[in-house]
Amino acid sequence: IAGTLFLAVCMRWLLASCVDKDTASRGASLCLLLPTVVANGPAWGQCDALYAGCALIAVGAIVRRRVGLAMLATGVAVSFKLQAVFVAPLVLAVLLAARGRWWTLAFLPTAYAAMMVPAWLAGRPARDLILLYLAQGAYFHDLARSVPNMWQVLRAVSPDLPYGPGVLVGLTLAAGAVVLVAAAARGRLDDPRRVLLVALTGAMLVPYVLPKMHNRYFFLADVLSFAYAIVSPSRRATWIALLAQMASLLAYATFLLHLTGGAFVGALLMSCALVLVLREFANNVAPLGTGVPLLHELQERAAPDSRRGRPNTAR
């Protein structure tokens, strides 16, 4: 419950960087009533609100052009839960756009190490703390665990889907998604709504293609889709938030209420939400026809300069 209240405070801080204070306060209050927020923390007793709140601080810091703070907040978020790396496309886009120094990346492991000090002082070996997430990755061999993503659908269609190749394909798709989203977004982070949209795209796309996900791993996408609907209200943004909530709730019900097929139906709804997010991304961050901004920039340099009547020379 304390973590849920922390999430609401972080939501207000993020929204205050994009909209007026009254709207930010109302959004933070409504965040406490989101079905997945209520189900995740107060009802289920999970602590995803802690890492998600830190991730919201990171996004708000990027909007405010405080990249150092964003890296620190991301490092703290990762120390609570590895799923905070779903904001990686936004972090990489910021670095590619030269909005922050590359050495600020050192804040990530520094923050993580600082957060591990209490456990180390309590007696846990430093090696265990460093390799914690690698060890967690070997806990089970399953491509999907009641998660509303593409692997839930593929596993339903082909129950004998091989584990090893599936993990390799999923990791490759996730890495490619991070790079492509970041490359498309670099140079387009001048508007708070775009920053928030890039964060939402990563939070929904990365866990959608990654294998070995759990039913709660779209929690960050749930709260970011709500924030985006507040900052950039439209019919599409509203549908994205609604579909994300329904998909995650169905995945929760698979475990909490033993609802047969809940995760599969949730995966179909999350697929629809992802399509809408990608359309929103294409229209507002990487407009169709312009391609990746870096390639578009090179094309403009190579195109004839109509004002001077001679080719433009790229240095």
Protein backbone atom coordinates (compact mmCIF):
# COMPACT_ATOMS: atom_id res chain seq x y z
CA ILE A 1 0.00 0.00 0.00
CA ALA A 2 2.87 2.37 0.80
CA GLY A 3 4.41 1.51 -2.56
CA THR A 4 1.13 2.32 -4.30
CA LEU A 5 1.05 5.74 -2.64
CA PHE A 6 4.67 6.22 -3.74
CA LEU A 7 3.61 5.39 -7.29
CA ALA A 8 0.91 8.08 -7.16
CA VAL A 9 3.44 10.67 -5.97
CA CYS A 10 5.79 9.73 -8.83
CA MET A 11 2.89 9.88 -11.28
CA ARG A 12 2.13 13.42 -10.19
CA TRP A 13 5.80 14.41 -10.60
CA LEU A 14 5.83 12.99 -14.13
CA LEU A 15 2.52 14.57 -15.13
CA ALA A 16 3.56 17.95 -13.68
CA SER A 17 6.34 18.06 -16.27
CA CYS A 18 3.79 17.74 -19.08
CA VAL A 19 0.52 19.36 -17.93
CA ASP A 20 -0.69 21.91 -15.38
CA LYS A 21 -0.50 21.10 -11.66
CA ASP A 22 -4.24 20.63 -11.17
CA THR A 23 -4.42 18.08 -13.99
CA ALA A 24 -1.32 16.36 -12.61
CA SER A 25 -2.89 16.09 -9.15
CA ARG A 26 -6.13 14.68 -10.57
CA GLY A 27 -4.17 12.18 -12.65
CA ALA A 28 -2.19 11.03 -9.62
CA SER A 29 -5.41 10.54 -7.65
CA LEU A 30 -7.01 8.57 -10.47
CA CYS A 31 -3.87 6.44 -10.69
CA LEU A 32 -4.72 5.05 -7.26
CA LEU A 33 -8.02 3.78 -8.70
CA LEU A 34 -6.59 1.99 -11.75
CA PRO A 35 -7.74 -1.66 -11.63
CA THR A 36 -4.27 -3.11 -12.13
CA VAL A 37 -2.78 -0.75 -9.54
CA VAL A 38 -5.37 -1.82 -6.96
CA ALA A 39 -5.04 -5.49 -7.88
CA ASN A 40 -1.25 -5.48 -7.96
CA GLY A 41 -0.48 -3.81 -4.64
CA PRO A 42 -3.30 -3.57 -2.08
CA ALA A 43 -5.08 -6.76 -3.25
CA TRP A 44 -2.20 -9.03 -4.31
CA GLY A 45 0.56 -7.66 -2.10
CA GLN A 46 3.06 -7.25 -4.96
CA CYS A 47 5.61 -4.42 -5.04
CA ASP A 48 5.76 -3.56 -8.76
CA ALA A 49 4.71 -0.02 -7.82
CA LEU A 50 8.20 0.55 -6.39
CA TYR A 51 10.17 -0.03 -9.59
CA ALA A 52 7.42 1.53 -11.71
CA GLY A 53 7.44 4.68 -9.56
CA CYS A 54 11.21 5.03 -10.01
CA ALA A 55 10.78 4.52 -13.75
CA LEU A 56 8.21 7.33 -13.81
CA ILE A 57 10.75 9.56 -12.08
CA ALA A 58 13.27 8.66 -14.80
CA VAL A 59 10.81 9.60 -17.57
CA GLY A 60 9.91 12.87 -15.83
CA ALA A 61 13.59 13.69 -15.40
CA ILE A 62 14.18 13.19 -19.13
CA VAL A 63 11.28 15.55 -19.89
CA ARG A 64 12.99 18.09 -17.62
CA ARG A 65 16.36 17.40 -19.33
CA ARG A 66 17.90 16.14 -16.09
CA VAL A 67 19.62 13.13 -17.60
CA GLY A 68 21.82 12.39 -14.59
CA LEU A 69 18.76 12.10 -12.36
CA ALA A 70 17.08 9.90 -14.97
CA MET A 71 20.02 7.47 -14.94
CA LEU A 72 20.06 7.36 -11.14
CA ALA A 73 16.31 6.72 -11.00
CA THR A 74 16.63 3.98 -13.62
CA GLY A 75 19.41 2.33 -11.62
CA VAL A 76 17.27 2.38 -8.47
CA ALA A 77 14.32 0.99 -10.44
CA VAL A 78 16.44 -1.88 -11.76
CA SER A 79 17.61 -2.65 -8.21
CA PHE A 80 13.97 -3.30 -7.28
CA LYS A 81 13.11 -5.26 -10.40
CA LEU A 82 14.86 -6.03 -13.68
CA GLN A 83 11.68 -5.18 -15.60
CA ALA A 84 12.65 -1.51 -15.24
CA VAL A 85 14.89 -2.07 -18.29
CA PHE A 86 11.74 -1.75 -20.40
CA VAL A 87 12.53 1.99 -20.49
CA ALA A 88 15.80 1.16 -22.29
CA PRO A 89 14.61 2.51 -25.68
CA LEU A 90 14.02 5.94 -24.15
CA VAL A 91 17.36 5.95 -22.30
CA LEU A 92 19.22 4.93 -25.47
CA ALA A 93 17.33 7.53 -27.54
CA VAL A 94 18.39 10.25 -25.09
CA LEU A 95 22.05 9.24 -25.42
CA LEU A 96 21.86 8.98 -29.22
CA ALA A 97 20.33 12.45 -29.34
CA ALA A 98 23.27 13.78 -27.29
CA ARG A 99 20.89 15.11 -24.65
CA GLY A 100 23.11 13.52 -22.01
CA ARG A 101 26.73 12.51 -21.65
CA TRP A 102 27.55 8.84 -22.19
CA TRP A 103 29.44 8.79 -18.89
CA THR A 104 26.12 9.31 -17.09
CA LEU A 105 25.49 5.62 -17.84
CA ALA A 106 27.85 4.97 -14.91
CA PHE A 107 25.06 6.22 -12.64
CA LEU A 108 23.07 3.06 -13.44
CA PRO A 109 25.44 0.48 -11.89
CA THR A 110 26.41 2.96 -9.16
CA ALA A 111 22.79 3.33 -8.05
CA TYR A 112 22.28 -0.44 -8.23
CA ALA A 113 25.41 -1.10 -6.15
CA ALA A 114 24.35 1.47 -3.54
CA MET A 115 20.94 -0.17 -3.24
CA MET A 116 22.60 -3.57 -2.67
CA VAL A 117 24.78 -2.35 0.23
CA PRO A 118 22.19 -3.08 2.98
CA ALA A 119 21.83 -6.70 1.80
CA TRP A 120 25.62 -7.04 1.60
CA LEU A 121 26.05 -5.66 5.12
CA ALA A 122 23.40 -8.11 6.30
CA GLY A 123 25.58 -10.97 5.07
CA ARG A 124 24.59 -11.79 1.51
CA PRO A 125 27.68 -12.40 -0.67
CA ALA A 126 28.50 -9.60 -3.12
CA ARG A 127 28.78 -12.14 -5.95
CA ASP A 128 25.18 -13.24 -5.38
CA LEU A 129 24.01 -9.63 -5.50
CA ILE A 130 25.89 -8.92 -8.73
CA LEU A 131 24.62 -12.06 -10.47
CA LEU A 132 21.14 -11.94 -8.92
CA TYR A 133 19.15 -11.47 -12.10
CA LEU A 134 21.17 -14.02 -14.07
CA ALA A 135 20.32 -16.58 -11.43
CA GLN A 136 16.64 -15.62 -11.48
CA GLY A 137 16.53 -16.16 -15.22
CA ALA A 138 17.20 -19.87 -14.70
CA TYR A 139 14.33 -20.42 -12.23
CA PHE A 140 11.97 -21.90 -14.81
CA HIS A 141 12.04 -23.04 -18.41
CA ASP A 142 8.85 -21.66 -19.89
CA LEU A 143 8.40 -19.22 -22.76
CA ALA A 144 5.32 -17.62 -21.15
CA ARG A 145 3.75 -17.70 -17.70
CA SER A 146 0.20 -16.32 -17.83
CA VAL A 147 1.53 -13.22 -19.61
CA PRO A 148 -0.48 -11.40 -22.30
CA ASN A 149 2.21 -11.35 -24.98
CA MET A 150 2.93 -13.02 -28.30
CA TRP A 151 4.49 -16.10 -26.70
CA GLN A 152 1.18 -16.89 -25.00
CA VAL A 153 -0.48 -16.94 -28.42
CA LEU A 154 2.33 -18.91 -30.08
CA ARG A 155 2.35 -21.47 -27.28
CA ALA A 156 -1.42 -21.94 -27.66
CA VAL A 157 -1.02 -22.47 -31.40
CA SER A 158 2.06 -24.70 -31.05
CA PRO A 159 2.32 -26.29 -27.59
CA ASP A 160 5.64 -27.98 -28.50
CA LEU A 161 7.41 -24.71 -29.26
CA PRO A 162 11.11 -25.36 -28.48
CA TYR A 163 12.39 -23.48 -25.45
CA GLY A 164 16.01 -22.78 -26.44
CA PRO A 165 15.38 -21.36 -29.93
CA GLY A 166 12.38 -19.45 -28.58
CA VAL A 167 14.51 -17.69 -25.97
CA LEU A 168 17.14 -16.83 -28.59
CA VAL A 169 14.55 -15.45 -31.01
CA GLY A 170 12.80 -13.48 -28.27
CA LEU A 171 16.01 -11.90 -26.97
CA THR A 172 17.02 -10.98 -30.53
CA LEU A 173 13.63 -9.38 -31.22
CA ALA A 174 13.77 -7.44 -27.95
CA ALA A 175 17.28 -6.13 -28.63
CA GLY A 176 16.27 -5.14 -32.16
CA ALA A 177 13.14 -3.40 -30.85
CA VAL A 178 15.18 -1.36 -28.35
CA VAL A 179 17.62 -0.19 -31.03
CA LEU A 180 14.96 0.57 -33.66
CA VAL A 181 12.71 2.53 -31.30
CA ALA A 182 15.68 4.47 -29.94
CA ALA A 183 17.02 5.24 -33.43
CA ALA A 184 13.61 6.40 -34.62
CA ALA A 185 13.09 8.57 -31.55
CA ARG A 186 16.48 10.30 -31.42
CA GLY A 187 16.07 13.92 -32.39
CA ARG A 188 12.31 13.76 -31.73
CA LEU A 189 12.40 14.23 -27.96
CA ASP A 190 11.63 17.93 -27.98
CA ASP A 191 8.04 17.43 -26.81
CA PRO A 192 7.01 15.91 -23.43
CA ARG A 193 4.29 13.90 -25.14
CA ARG A 194 6.81 12.28 -27.44
CA VAL A 195 9.11 11.43 -24.53
CA LEU A 196 6.21 9.76 -22.76
CA LEU A 197 5.16 7.95 -25.94
CA VAL A 198 8.68 6.55 -26.46
CA ALA A 199 8.67 5.29 -22.85
CA LEU A 200 5.25 3.69 -23.38
CA THR A 201 6.34 2.07 -26.64
CA GLY A 202 9.31 0.42 -24.93
CA ALA A 203 7.27 -0.64 -21.88
CA MET A 204 4.73 -2.39 -24.12
CA LEU A 205 6.83 -3.66 -27.04
CA VAL A 206 9.79 -5.14 -25.15
CA PRO A 207 7.81 -7.43 -22.78
CA TYR A 208 5.53 -8.32 -25.68
CA VAL A 209 8.37 -9.93 -27.66
CA LEU A 210 10.48 -11.17 -24.72
CA PRO A 211 10.07 -14.78 -23.59
CA LYS A 212 9.96 -15.95 -19.94
CA MET A 213 7.66 -13.09 -18.90
CA HIS A 214 5.11 -13.24 -16.05
CA ASN A 215 1.56 -11.93 -15.79
CA ARG A 216 2.54 -8.70 -13.99
CA TYR A 217 5.29 -7.61 -16.39
CA PHE A 218 3.08 -5.13 -18.25
CA PHE A 219 2.50 -3.11 -15.08
CA LEU A 220 4.78 -0.30 -16.26
CA ALA A 221 2.93 -0.22 -19.60
CA ASP A 222 -0.37 -0.03 -17.69
CA VAL A 223 0.60 3.10 -15.75
CA LEU A 224 2.44 4.75 -18.66
CA SER A 225 -0.54 4.24 -20.98
CA PHE A 226 -2.71 5.95 -18.37
CA ALA A 227 -0.21 8.82 -18.10
CA TYR A 228 -0.11 9.19 -21.88
CA ALA A 229 -3.93 9.34 -22.04
CA ILE A 230 -3.80 12.21 -19.53
CA VAL A 231 -1.01 14.11 -21.32
CA SER A 232 -2.17 13.52 -24.88
CA PRO A 233 -5.94 12.89 -24.67
CA SER A 234 -7.44 11.29 -27.76
CA ARG A 235 -9.68 8.37 -28.65
CA ARG A 236 -6.68 6.24 -29.58
CA ALA A 237 -4.81 7.02 -26.35
CA THR A 238 -7.93 6.17 -24.33
CA TRP A 239 -8.29 2.83 -26.09
CA ILE A 240 -4.63 2.04 -25.50
CA ALA A 241 -5.04 2.59 -21.75
CA LEU A 242 -8.29 0.60 -21.60
CA LEU A 243 -6.94 -2.34 -23.60
CA ALA A 244 -3.76 -2.49 -21.51
CA GLN A 245 -5.80 -2.53 -18.29
CA MET A 246 -8.15 -5.26 -19.51
CA ALA A 247 -5.31 -7.41 -20.87
CA SER A 248 -3.32 -7.24 -17.65
CA LEU A 249 -6.40 -7.88 -15.49
CA LEU A 250 -7.22 -11.02 -17.49
CA ALA A 251 -3.64 -12.22 -17.00
CA TYR A 252 -3.91 -11.51 -13.26
CA ALA A 253 -7.19 -13.45 -13.13
CA THR A 254 -5.47 -16.47 -14.66
CA PHE A 255 -3.42 -16.76 -11.48
CA LEU A 256 -5.65 -15.17 -8.82
CA LEU A 257 -9.00 -16.59 -9.94
CA HIS A 258 -7.77 -19.60 -11.97
CA LEU A 259 -9.51 -18.18 -15.03
CA THR A 260 -8.89 -20.58 -17.89
CA GLY A 261 -7.84 -18.78 -21.05
CA GLY A 262 -7.58 -15.40 -19.36
CA ALA A 263 -3.96 -14.85 -20.36
CA PHE A 264 -4.68 -15.92 -23.96
CA VAL A 265 -7.58 -13.47 -24.34
CA GLY A 266 -5.44 -10.86 -22.58
CA ALA A 267 -2.70 -11.47 -25.14
CA LEU A 268 -5.13 -10.72 -27.96
CA LEU A 269 -6.18 -7.47 -26.27
CA MET A 270 -2.56 -6.50 -25.59
CA SER A 271 -1.79 -7.17 -29.26
CA CYS A 272 -4.49 -4.66 -30.21
CA ALA A 273 -3.08 -2.15 -27.71
CA LEU A 274 0.41 -2.60 -29.13
CA VAL A 275 -0.83 -2.02 -32.69
CA LEU A 276 -2.40 1.25 -31.56
CA VAL A 277 0.78 2.26 -29.71
CA LEU A 278 2.90 1.59 -32.78
CA ARG A 279 0.50 3.62 -34.94
CA GLU A 280 0.69 6.45 -32.42
CA PHE A 281 4.48 6.15 -32.45
CA ALA A 282 4.59 6.18 -36.26
CA ASN A 283 2.36 9.25 -36.47
CA ASN A 284 3.96 11.32 -33.73
CA VAL A 285 7.59 10.21 -33.32
CA ALA A 286 8.68 8.59 -36.58
CA PRO A 287 6.17 9.76 -39.23
CA LEU A 288 5.65 7.31 -42.06
CA GLY A 289 7.55 8.32 -45.16
CA THR A 290 10.41 9.94 -43.26
CA GLY A 291 11.99 6.76 -41.95
CA VAL A 292 14.44 6.77 -39.09
CA PRO A 293 15.39 10.41 -38.35
CA LEU A 294 19.10 9.64 -38.74
CA LEU A 295 18.55 8.31 -42.27
CA HIS A 296 16.26 11.22 -43.08
CA GLU A 297 18.96 13.63 -41.90
CA LEU A 298 21.52 12.00 -44.21
CA GLN A 299 19.06 12.18 -47.11
CA GLU A 300 18.53 15.88 -46.53
CA ARG A 301 22.27 16.51 -46.54
CA ALA A 302 22.67 14.65 -49.80
CA ALA A 303 19.70 16.35 -51.49
CA PRO A 304 20.27 19.40 -53.71
CA ASP A 305 20.08 22.70 -51.87
CA SER A 306 17.25 24.50 -53.65
CA ARG A 307 18.20 27.81 -52.11
CA ARG A 308 21.70 27.79 -53.57
CA GLY A 309 21.04 25.74 -56.65
CA ARG A 310 23.91 23.35 -55.97
CA PRO A 311 24.41 20.08 -54.09
CA ASN A 312 24.73 20.19 -50.34
CA THR A 313 28.04 18.77 -49.12
CA ALA A 314 27.97 16.52 -46.06
CA ARG A 315 31.05 16.75 -43.90
